[in-house]
Amino acid sequence: TYFMERYRRFLTDNGTINVKTDSNFLATYTKYMVEKNKLP
């Protein structure tokens, strides 16, 4: 969310973020972050 706040300053409203990763940790964390904040 530290970076999400930064992205909001230049990303269009409901702008898309795509994540490709080998890391199960990063993918899992990202999913929890999305769910916690009710992001689409």
ModelCIF file with pLDDT and N, C-alpha, C, O atoms, coordinates in Angstrom:
data_MODEL
#
_entry.id   MODEL 
#
_entity.id                         1 
_entity.type                       polymer 
_entity.pdbx_number_of_molecules   1 
#
_entity_poly.entity_id                      1 
_entity_poly.type                           'polypeptide(L)' 
_entity_poly.nstd_linkage                   no 
_entity_poly.nstd_monomer                   no 
_entity_poly.pdbx_seq_one_letter_code       TYFMERYRRFLTDNGTINVKTDSNFLATYTKYMVEKNKLP 
_entity_poly.pdbx_seq_one_letter_code_can   TYFMERYRRFLTDNGTINVKTDSNFLATYTKYMVEKNKLP 
_entity_poly.pdbx_strand_id                 A 
#
loop_
_entity_poly_seq.entity_id 
_entity_poly_seq.num 
_entity_poly_seq.mon_id 
_entity_poly_seq.hetero 
1 1  THR n 
1 2  TYR n 
1 3  PHE n 
1 4  MET n 
1 5  GLU n 
1 6  ARG n 
1 7  TYR n 
1 8  ARG n 
1 9  ARG n 
1 10 PHE n 
1 11 LEU n 
1 12 THR n 
1 13 ASP n 
1 14 ASN n 
1 15 GLY n 
1 16 THR n 
1 17 ILE n 
1 18 ASN n 
1 19 VAL n 
1 20 LYS n 
1 21 THR n 
1 22 ASP n 
1 23 SER n 
1 24 ASN n 
1 25 PHE n 
1 26 LEU n 
1 27 ALA n 
1 28 THR n 
1 29 TYR n 
1 30 THR n 
1 31 LYS n 
1 32 TYR n 
1 33 MET n 
1 34 VAL n 
1 35 GLU n 
1 36 LYS n 
1 37 ASN n 
1 38 LYS n 
1 39 LEU n 
1 40 PRO n 
#
_struct_asym.id          A 
_struct_asym.entity_id   1 
#
loop_
_ma_qa_metric.id 
_ma_qa_metric.mode 
_ma_qa_metric.name 
_ma_qa_metric.software_group_id 
_ma_qa_metric.type 
1 global pLDDT . pLDDT 
2 local  pLDDT . pLDDT 
#
_ma_qa_metric_global.metric_id      1 
_ma_qa_metric_global.metric_value   96.58 
_ma_qa_metric_global.model_id       1 
_ma_qa_metric_global.ordinal_id     1 
#
loop_
_ma_qa_metric_local.label_asym_id 
_ma_qa_metric_local.label_comp_id 
_ma_qa_metric_local.label_seq_id 
_ma_qa_metric_local.metric_id 
_ma_qa_metric_local.metric_value 
_ma_qa_metric_local.model_id 
_ma_qa_metric_local.ordinal_id 
A THR 1  2 98.00 1 1  
A TYR 2  2 96.00 1 2  
A PHE 3  2 97.00 1 3  
A MET 4  2 98.00 1 4  
A GLU 5  2 97.00 1 5  
A ARG 6  2 97.00 1 6  
A TYR 7  2 98.00 1 7  
A ARG 8  2 97.00 1 8  
A ARG 9  2 97.00 1 9  
A PHE 10 2 98.00 1 10 
A LEU 11 2 98.00 1 11 
A THR 12 2 97.00 1 12 
A ASP 13 2 98.00 1 13 
A ASN 14 2 96.00 1 14 
A GLY 15 2 96.00 1 15 
A THR 16 2 94.00 1 16 
A ILE 17 2 96.00 1 17 
A ASN 18 2 94.00 1 18 
A VAL 19 2 95.00 1 19 
A LYS 20 2 94.00 1 20 
A THR 21 2 95.00 1 21 
A ASP 22 2 94.00 1 22 
A SER 23 2 95.00 1 23 
A ASN 24 2 95.00 1 24 
A PHE 25 2 95.00 1 25 
A LEU 26 2 97.00 1 26 
A ALA 27 2 97.00 1 27 
A THR 28 2 97.00 1 28 
A TYR 29 2 97.00 1 29 
A THR 30 2 98.00 1 30 
A LYS 31 2 97.00 1 31 
A TYR 32 2 97.00 1 32 
A MET 33 2 98.00 1 33 
A VAL 34 2 98.00 1 34 
A GLU 35 2 97.00 1 35 
A LYS 36 2 97.00 1 36 
A ASN 37 2 98.00 1 37 
A LYS 38 2 97.00 1 38 
A LEU 39 2 98.00 1 39 
A PRO 40 2 95.00 1 40 
#
loop_
_atom_site.group_PDB 
_atom_site.id 
_atom_site.type_symbol 
_atom_site.label_atom_id 
_atom_site.label_alt_id 
_atom_site.label_comp_id 
_atom_site.label_asym_id 
_atom_site.label_entity_id 
_atom_site.label_seq_id 
_atom_site.pdbx_PDB_ins_code 
_atom_site.Cartn_x 
_atom_site.Cartn_y 
_atom_site.Cartn_z 
_atom_site.occupancy 
_atom_site.B_iso_or_equiv 
_atom_site.pdbx_formal_charge 
_atom_site.auth_seq_id 
_atom_site.auth_comp_id 
_atom_site.auth_asym_id 
_atom_site.auth_atom_id 
_atom_site.pdbx_PDB_model_num 
ATOM 1   N N  . THR A 1 1  ? 0.834   -1.208  0.000   1.00 98.00 ? 1  THR A N  1 
ATOM 2   C CA . THR A 1 1  ? 0.000   0.000   0.000   1.00 98.00 ? 1  THR A CA 1 
ATOM 3   C C  . THR A 1 1  ? 0.866   1.254   0.000   1.00 98.00 ? 1  THR A C  1 
ATOM 4   O O  . THR A 1 1  ? 0.416   2.313   -0.438  1.00 98.00 ? 1  THR A O  1 
ATOM 5   N N  . TYR A 1 2  ? 2.096   1.151   0.483   1.00 96.00 ? 2  TYR A N  1 
ATOM 6   C CA . TYR A 1 2  ? 3.041   2.271   0.422   1.00 96.00 ? 2  TYR A CA 1 
ATOM 7   C C  . TYR A 1 2  ? 3.232   2.718   -1.022  1.00 96.00 ? 2  TYR A C  1 
ATOM 8   O O  . TYR A 1 2  ? 3.224   3.912   -1.318  1.00 96.00 ? 2  TYR A O  1 
ATOM 9   N N  . PHE A 1 3  ? 3.404   1.743   -1.922  1.00 97.00 ? 3  PHE A N  1 
ATOM 10  C CA . PHE A 1 3  ? 3.564   2.077   -3.334  1.00 97.00 ? 3  PHE A CA 1 
ATOM 11  C C  . PHE A 1 3  ? 2.219   2.351   -3.998  1.00 97.00 ? 3  PHE A C  1 
ATOM 12  O O  . PHE A 1 3  ? 2.150   3.164   -4.919  1.00 97.00 ? 3  PHE A O  1 
ATOM 13  N N  . MET A 1 4  ? 1.140   1.687   -3.549  1.00 98.00 ? 4  MET A N  1 
ATOM 14  C CA . MET A 1 4  ? -0.176  1.974   -4.115  1.00 98.00 ? 4  MET A CA 1 
ATOM 15  C C  . MET A 1 4  ? -0.527  3.456   -3.962  1.00 98.00 ? 4  MET A C  1 
ATOM 16  O O  . MET A 1 4  ? -1.089  4.062   -4.874  1.00 98.00 ? 4  MET A O  1 
ATOM 17  N N  . GLU A 1 5  ? -0.200  4.026   -2.822  1.00 97.00 ? 5  GLU A N  1 
ATOM 18  C CA . GLU A 1 5  ? -0.467  5.447   -2.609  1.00 97.00 ? 5  GLU A CA 1 
ATOM 19  C C  . GLU A 1 5  ? 0.323   6.293   -3.605  1.00 97.00 ? 5  GLU A C  1 
ATOM 20  O O  . GLU A 1 5  ? -0.176  7.310   -4.086  1.00 97.00 ? 5  GLU A O  1 
ATOM 21  N N  . ARG A 1 6  ? 1.526   5.887   -3.911  1.00 97.00 ? 6  ARG A N  1 
ATOM 22  C CA . ARG A 1 6  ? 2.331   6.615   -4.895  1.00 97.00 ? 6  ARG A CA 1 
ATOM 23  C C  . ARG A 1 6  ? 1.761   6.456   -6.299  1.00 97.00 ? 6  ARG A C  1 
ATOM 24  O O  . ARG A 1 6  ? 1.696   7.418   -7.065  1.00 97.00 ? 6  ARG A O  1 
ATOM 25  N N  . TYR A 1 7  ? 1.346   5.228   -6.633  1.00 98.00 ? 7  TYR A N  1 
ATOM 26  C CA . TYR A 1 7  ? 0.788   4.994   -7.965  1.00 98.00 ? 7  TYR A CA 1 
ATOM 27  C C  . TYR A 1 7  ? -0.475  5.827   -8.189  1.00 98.00 ? 7  TYR A C  1 
ATOM 28  O O  . TYR A 1 7  ? -0.720  6.302   -9.298  1.00 98.00 ? 7  TYR A O  1 
ATOM 29  N N  . ARG A 1 8  ? -1.261  5.999   -7.151  1.00 97.00 ? 8  ARG A N  1 
ATOM 30  C CA . ARG A 1 8  ? -2.502  6.765   -7.270  1.00 97.00 ? 8  ARG A CA 1 
ATOM 31  C C  . ARG A 1 8  ? -2.254  8.205   -7.739  1.00 97.00 ? 8  ARG A C  1 
ATOM 32  O O  . ARG A 1 8  ? -3.141  8.829   -8.320  1.00 97.00 ? 8  ARG A O  1 
ATOM 33  N N  . ARG A 1 9  ? -1.070  8.720   -7.491  1.00 97.00 ? 9  ARG A N  1 
ATOM 34  C CA . ARG A 1 9  ? -0.770  10.113  -7.829  1.00 97.00 ? 9  ARG A CA 1 
ATOM 35  C C  . ARG A 1 9  ? -0.612  10.325  -9.331  1.00 97.00 ? 9  ARG A C  1 
ATOM 36  O O  . ARG A 1 9  ? -0.667  11.462  -9.801  1.00 97.00 ? 9  ARG A O  1 
ATOM 37  N N  . PHE A 1 10 ? -0.417  9.246   -10.090 1.00 98.00 ? 10 PHE A N  1 
ATOM 38  C CA . PHE A 1 10 ? -0.263  9.421   -11.544 1.00 98.00 ? 10 PHE A CA 1 
ATOM 39  C C  . PHE A 1 10 ? -1.077  8.422   -12.367 1.00 98.00 ? 10 PHE A C  1 
ATOM 40  O O  . PHE A 1 10 ? -1.241  8.617   -13.571 1.00 98.00 ? 10 PHE A O  1 
ATOM 41  N N  . LEU A 1 11 ? -1.584  7.366   -11.750 1.00 98.00 ? 11 LEU A N  1 
ATOM 42  C CA . LEU A 1 11 ? -2.371  6.366   -12.462 1.00 98.00 ? 11 LEU A CA 1 
ATOM 43  C C  . LEU A 1 11 ? -3.812  6.844   -12.602 1.00 98.00 ? 11 LEU A C  1 
ATOM 44  O O  . LEU A 1 11 ? -4.355  7.453   -11.679 1.00 98.00 ? 11 LEU A O  1 
ATOM 45  N N  . THR A 1 12 ? -4.433  6.574   -13.745 1.00 97.00 ? 12 THR A N  1 
ATOM 46  C CA . THR A 1 12 ? -5.828  6.942   -13.931 1.00 97.00 ? 12 THR A CA 1 
ATOM 47  C C  . THR A 1 12 ? -6.708  6.196   -12.932 1.00 97.00 ? 12 THR A C  1 
ATOM 48  O O  . THR A 1 12 ? -6.316  5.144   -12.429 1.00 97.00 ? 12 THR A O  1 
ATOM 49  N N  . ASP A 1 13 ? -7.879  6.724   -12.646 1.00 98.00 ? 13 ASP A N  1 
ATOM 50  C CA . ASP A 1 13 ? -8.797  6.087   -11.705 1.00 98.00 ? 13 ASP A CA 1 
ATOM 51  C C  . ASP A 1 13 ? -9.152  4.688   -12.208 1.00 98.00 ? 13 ASP A C  1 
ATOM 52  O O  . ASP A 1 13 ? -9.546  4.525   -13.363 1.00 98.00 ? 13 ASP A O  1 
ATOM 53  N N  . ASN A 1 14 ? -9.016  3.689   -11.355 1.00 96.00 ? 14 ASN A N  1 
ATOM 54  C CA . ASN A 1 14 ? -9.222  2.285   -11.718 1.00 96.00 ? 14 ASN A CA 1 
ATOM 55  C C  . ASN A 1 14 ? -8.211  1.809   -12.759 1.00 96.00 ? 14 ASN A C  1 
ATOM 56  O O  . ASN A 1 14 ? -8.490  0.903   -13.545 1.00 96.00 ? 14 ASN A O  1 
ATOM 57  N N  . GLY A 1 15 ? -7.033  2.436   -12.752 1.00 96.00 ? 15 GLY A N  1 
ATOM 58  C CA . GLY A 1 15 ? -5.965  1.978   -13.635 1.00 96.00 ? 15 GLY A CA 1 
ATOM 59  C C  . GLY A 1 15 ? -5.552  0.553   -13.307 1.00 96.00 ? 15 GLY A C  1 
ATOM 60  O O  . GLY A 1 15 ? -5.681  0.112   -12.166 1.00 96.00 ? 15 GLY A O  1 
ATOM 61  N N  . THR A 1 16 ? -5.058  -0.161  -14.298 1.00 94.00 ? 16 THR A N  1 
ATOM 62  C CA . THR A 1 16 ? -4.746  -1.580  -14.166 1.00 94.00 ? 16 THR A CA 1 
ATOM 63  C C  . THR A 1 16 ? -3.309  -1.802  -13.714 1.00 94.00 ? 16 THR A C  1 
ATOM 64  O O  . THR A 1 16 ? -2.385  -1.140  -14.186 1.00 94.00 ? 16 THR A O  1 
ATOM 65  N N  . ILE A 1 17 ? -3.138  -2.751  -12.787 1.00 96.00 ? 17 ILE A N  1 
ATOM 66  C CA . ILE A 1 17 ? -1.811  -3.171  -12.340 1.00 96.00 ? 17 ILE A CA 1 
ATOM 67  C C  . ILE A 1 17 ? -1.681  -4.671  -12.601 1.00 96.00 ? 17 ILE A C  1 
ATOM 68  O O  . ILE A 1 17 ? -2.497  -5.464  -12.132 1.00 96.00 ? 17 ILE A O  1 
ATOM 69  N N  . ASN A 1 18 ? -0.648  -5.048  -13.352 1.00 94.00 ? 18 ASN A N  1 
ATOM 70  C CA . ASN A 1 18 ? -0.376  -6.439  -13.697 1.00 94.00 ? 18 ASN A CA 1 
ATOM 71  C C  . ASN A 1 18 ? 0.890   -6.898  -12.996 1.00 94.00 ? 18 ASN A C  1 
ATOM 72  O O  . ASN A 1 18 ? 1.896   -6.190  -13.000 1.00 94.00 ? 18 ASN A O  1 
ATOM 73  N N  . VAL A 1 19 ? 0.846   -8.073  -12.397 1.00 95.00 ? 19 VAL A N  1 
ATOM 74  C CA . VAL A 1 19 ? 2.000   -8.614  -11.675 1.00 95.00 ? 19 VAL A CA 1 
ATOM 75  C C  . VAL A 1 19 ? 2.321   -10.000 -12.219 1.00 95.00 ? 19 VAL A C  1 
ATOM 76  O O  . VAL A 1 19 ? 1.494   -10.909 -12.143 1.00 95.00 ? 19 VAL A O  1 
ATOM 77  N N  . LYS A 1 20 ? 3.520   -10.159 -12.767 1.00 94.00 ? 20 LYS A N  1 
ATOM 78  C CA . LYS A 1 20 ? 4.042   -11.483 -13.132 1.00 94.00 ? 20 LYS A CA 1 
ATOM 79  C C  . LYS A 1 20 ? 5.188   -11.781 -12.187 1.00 94.00 ? 20 LYS A C  1 
ATOM 80  O O  . LYS A 1 20 ? 6.090   -10.961 -12.016 1.00 94.00 ? 20 LYS A O  1 
ATOM 81  N N  . THR A 1 21 ? 5.154   -12.956 -11.571 1.00 95.00 ? 21 THR A N  1 
ATOM 82  C CA . THR A 1 21 ? 6.179   -13.254 -10.574 1.00 95.00 ? 21 THR A CA 1 
ATOM 83  C C  . THR A 1 21 ? 6.399   -14.752 -10.433 1.00 95.00 ? 21 THR A C  1 
ATOM 84  O O  . THR A 1 21 ? 5.480   -15.546 -10.634 1.00 95.00 ? 21 THR A O  1 
ATOM 85  N N  . ASP A 1 22 ? 7.610   -15.126 -10.088 1.00 94.00 ? 22 ASP A N  1 
ATOM 86  C CA . ASP A 1 22 ? 7.913   -16.500 -9.703  1.00 94.00 ? 22 ASP A CA 1 
ATOM 87  C C  . ASP A 1 22 ? 7.646   -16.700 -8.221  1.00 94.00 ? 22 ASP A C  1 
ATOM 88  O O  . ASP A 1 22 ? 7.543   -17.836 -7.759  1.00 94.00 ? 22 ASP A O  1 
ATOM 89  N N  . SER A 1 23 ? 7.534   -15.607 -7.467  1.00 95.00 ? 23 SER A N  1 
ATOM 90  C CA . SER A 1 23 ? 7.460   -15.658 -6.005  1.00 95.00 ? 23 SER A CA 1 
ATOM 91  C C  . SER A 1 23 ? 6.049   -15.947 -5.505  1.00 95.00 ? 23 SER A C  1 
ATOM 92  O O  . SER A 1 23 ? 5.126   -15.163 -5.721  1.00 95.00 ? 23 SER A O  1 
ATOM 93  N N  . ASN A 1 24 ? 5.901   -17.078 -4.840  1.00 95.00 ? 24 ASN A N  1 
ATOM 94  C CA . ASN A 1 24 ? 4.612   -17.389 -4.218  1.00 95.00 ? 24 ASN A CA 1 
ATOM 95  C C  . ASN A 1 24 ? 4.311   -16.395 -3.106  1.00 95.00 ? 24 ASN A C  1 
ATOM 96  O O  . ASN A 1 24 ? 3.154   -16.038 -2.884  1.00 95.00 ? 24 ASN A O  1 
ATOM 97  N N  . PHE A 1 25 ? 5.360   -15.944 -2.402  1.00 95.00 ? 25 PHE A N  1 
ATOM 98  C CA . PHE A 1 25 ? 5.175   -14.963 -1.336  1.00 95.00 ? 25 PHE A CA 1 
ATOM 99  C C  . PHE A 1 25 ? 4.573   -13.677 -1.886  1.00 95.00 ? 25 PHE A C  1 
ATOM 100 O O  . PHE A 1 25 ? 3.592   -13.171 -1.340  1.00 95.00 ? 25 PHE A O  1 
ATOM 101 N N  . LEU A 1 26 ? 5.154   -13.138 -2.971  1.00 97.00 ? 26 LEU A N  1 
ATOM 102 C CA . LEU A 1 26 ? 4.674   -11.867 -3.522  1.00 97.00 ? 26 LEU A CA 1 
ATOM 103 C C  . LEU A 1 26 ? 3.270   -11.997 -4.090  1.00 97.00 ? 26 LEU A C  1 
ATOM 104 O O  . LEU A 1 26 ? 2.440   -11.108 -3.899  1.00 97.00 ? 26 LEU A O  1 
ATOM 105 N N  . ALA A 1 27 ? 2.995   -13.095 -4.785  1.00 97.00 ? 27 ALA A N  1 
ATOM 106 C CA . ALA A 1 27 ? 1.658   -13.295 -5.349  1.00 97.00 ? 27 ALA A CA 1 
ATOM 107 C C  . ALA A 1 27 ? 0.615   -13.410 -4.244  1.00 97.00 ? 27 ALA A C  1 
ATOM 108 O O  . ALA A 1 27 ? -0.461  -12.819 -4.334  1.00 97.00 ? 27 ALA A O  1 
ATOM 109 N N  . THR A 1 28 ? 0.936   -14.170 -3.208  1.00 97.00 ? 28 THR A N  1 
ATOM 110 C CA . THR A 1 28 ? 0.000   -14.355 -2.100  1.00 97.00 ? 28 THR A CA 1 
ATOM 111 C C  . THR A 1 28 ? -0.216  -13.053 -1.349  1.00 97.00 ? 28 THR A C  1 
ATOM 112 O O  . THR A 1 28 ? -1.351  -12.688 -1.041  1.00 97.00 ? 28 THR A O  1 
ATOM 113 N N  . TYR A 1 29 ? 0.870   -12.353 -1.054  1.00 97.00 ? 29 TYR A N  1 
ATOM 114 C CA . TYR A 1 29 ? 0.755   -11.060 -0.378  1.00 97.00 ? 29 TYR A CA 1 
ATOM 115 C C  . TYR A 1 29 ? -0.111  -10.093 -1.194  1.00 97.00 ? 29 TYR A C  1 
ATOM 116 O O  . TYR A 1 29 ? -0.976  -9.411  -0.644  1.00 97.00 ? 29 TYR A O  1 
ATOM 117 N N  . THR A 1 30 ? 0.129   -10.042 -2.502  1.00 98.00 ? 30 THR A N  1 
ATOM 118 C CA . THR A 1 30 ? -0.620  -9.122  -3.367  1.00 98.00 ? 30 THR A CA 1 
ATOM 119 C C  . THR A 1 30 ? -2.106  -9.439  -3.338  1.00 98.00 ? 30 THR A C  1 
ATOM 120 O O  . THR A 1 30 ? -2.937  -8.532  -3.289  1.00 98.00 ? 30 THR A O  1 
ATOM 121 N N  . LYS A 1 31 ? -2.442  -10.716 -3.369  1.00 97.00 ? 31 LYS A N  1 
ATOM 122 C CA . LYS A 1 31 ? -3.851  -11.115 -3.314  1.00 97.00 ? 31 LYS A CA 1 
ATOM 123 C C  . LYS A 1 31 ? -4.484  -10.687 -1.990  1.00 97.00 ? 31 LYS A C  1 
ATOM 124 O O  . LYS A 1 31 ? -5.606  -10.180 -1.976  1.00 97.00 ? 31 LYS A O  1 
ATOM 125 N N  . TYR A 1 32 ? -3.771  -10.886 -0.878  1.00 97.00 ? 32 TYR A N  1 
ATOM 126 C CA . TYR A 1 32 ? -4.294  -10.457 0.419   1.00 97.00 ? 32 TYR A CA 1 
ATOM 127 C C  . TYR A 1 32 ? -4.443  -8.937  0.482   1.00 97.00 ? 32 TYR A C  1 
ATOM 128 O O  . TYR A 1 32 ? -5.415  -8.430  1.041   1.00 97.00 ? 32 TYR A O  1 
ATOM 129 N N  . MET A 1 33 ? -3.482  -8.213  -0.091  1.00 98.00 ? 33 MET A N  1 
ATOM 130 C CA . MET A 1 33 ? -3.562  -6.758  -0.100  1.00 98.00 ? 33 MET A CA 1 
ATOM 131 C C  . MET A 1 33 ? -4.776  -6.288  -0.886  1.00 98.00 ? 33 MET A C  1 
ATOM 132 O O  . MET A 1 33 ? -5.481  -5.370  -0.466  1.00 98.00 ? 33 MET A O  1 
ATOM 133 N N  . VAL A 1 34 ? -5.015  -6.920  -2.026  1.00 98.00 ? 34 VAL A N  1 
ATOM 134 C CA . VAL A 1 34 ? -6.176  -6.580  -2.862  1.00 98.00 ? 34 VAL A CA 1 
ATOM 135 C C  . VAL A 1 34 ? -7.474  -6.860  -2.109  1.00 98.00 ? 34 VAL A C  1 
ATOM 136 O O  . VAL A 1 34 ? -8.382  -6.029  -2.098  1.00 98.00 ? 34 VAL A O  1 
ATOM 137 N N  . GLU A 1 35 ? -7.558  -8.028  -1.482  1.00 97.00 ? 35 GLU A N  1 
ATOM 138 C CA . GLU A 1 35 ? -8.768  -8.408  -0.754  1.00 97.00 ? 35 GLU A CA 1 
ATOM 139 C C  . GLU A 1 35 ? -9.002  -7.503  0.451   1.00 97.00 ? 35 GLU A C  1 
ATOM 140 O O  . GLU A 1 35 ? -10.131 -7.083  0.705   1.00 97.00 ? 35 GLU A O  1 
ATOM 141 N N  . LYS A 1 36 ? -7.941  -7.204  1.191   1.00 97.00 ? 36 LYS A N  1 
ATOM 142 C CA . LYS A 1 36 ? -8.054  -6.352  2.376   1.00 97.00 ? 36 LYS A CA 1 
ATOM 143 C C  . LYS A 1 36 ? -8.644  -4.994  2.038   1.00 97.00 ? 36 LYS A C  1 
ATOM 144 O O  . LYS A 1 36 ? -9.426  -4.438  2.809   1.00 97.00 ? 36 LYS A O  1 
ATOM 145 N N  . ASN A 1 37 ? -8.260  -4.459  0.868   1.00 98.00 ? 37 ASN A N  1 
ATOM 146 C CA . ASN A 1 37 ? -8.686  -3.114  0.473   1.00 98.00 ? 37 ASN A CA 1 
ATOM 147 C C  . ASN A 1 37 ? -9.836  -3.104  -0.530  1.00 98.00 ? 37 ASN A C  1 
ATOM 148 O O  . ASN A 1 37 ? -10.210 -2.061  -1.065  1.00 98.00 ? 37 ASN A O  1 
ATOM 149 N N  . LYS A 1 38 ? -10.393 -4.307  -0.772  1.00 97.00 ? 38 LYS A N  1 
ATOM 150 C CA . LYS A 1 38 ? -11.547 -4.442  -1.672  1.00 97.00 ? 38 LYS A CA 1 
ATOM 151 C C  . LYS A 1 38 ? -11.282 -3.812  -3.033  1.00 97.00 ? 38 LYS A C  1 
ATOM 152 O O  . LYS A 1 38 ? -12.145 -3.137  -3.595  1.00 97.00 ? 38 LYS A O  1 
ATOM 153 N N  . LEU A 1 39 ? -10.086 -4.037  -3.552  1.00 98.00 ? 39 LEU A N  1 
ATOM 154 C CA . LEU A 1 39 ? -9.749  -3.554  -4.889  1.00 98.00 ? 39 LEU A CA 1 
ATOM 155 C C  . LEU A 1 39 ? -10.302 -4.539  -5.919  1.00 98.00 ? 39 LEU A C  1 
ATOM 156 O O  . LEU A 1 39 ? -10.337 -5.740  -5.651  1.00 98.00 ? 39 LEU A O  1 
ATOM 157 N N  . PRO A 1 40 ? -10.728 -4.070  -7.072  1.00 95.00 ? 40 PRO A N  1 
ATOM 158 C CA . PRO A 1 40 ? -11.252 -4.978  -8.104  1.00 95.00 ? 40 PRO A CA 1 
ATOM 159 C C  . PRO A 1 40 ? -10.160 -5.939  -8.594  1.00 95.00 ? 40 PRO A C  1 
ATOM 160 O O  . PRO A 1 40 ? -10.417 -6.775  -9.460  1.00 95.00 ? 40 PRO A O  1 
#
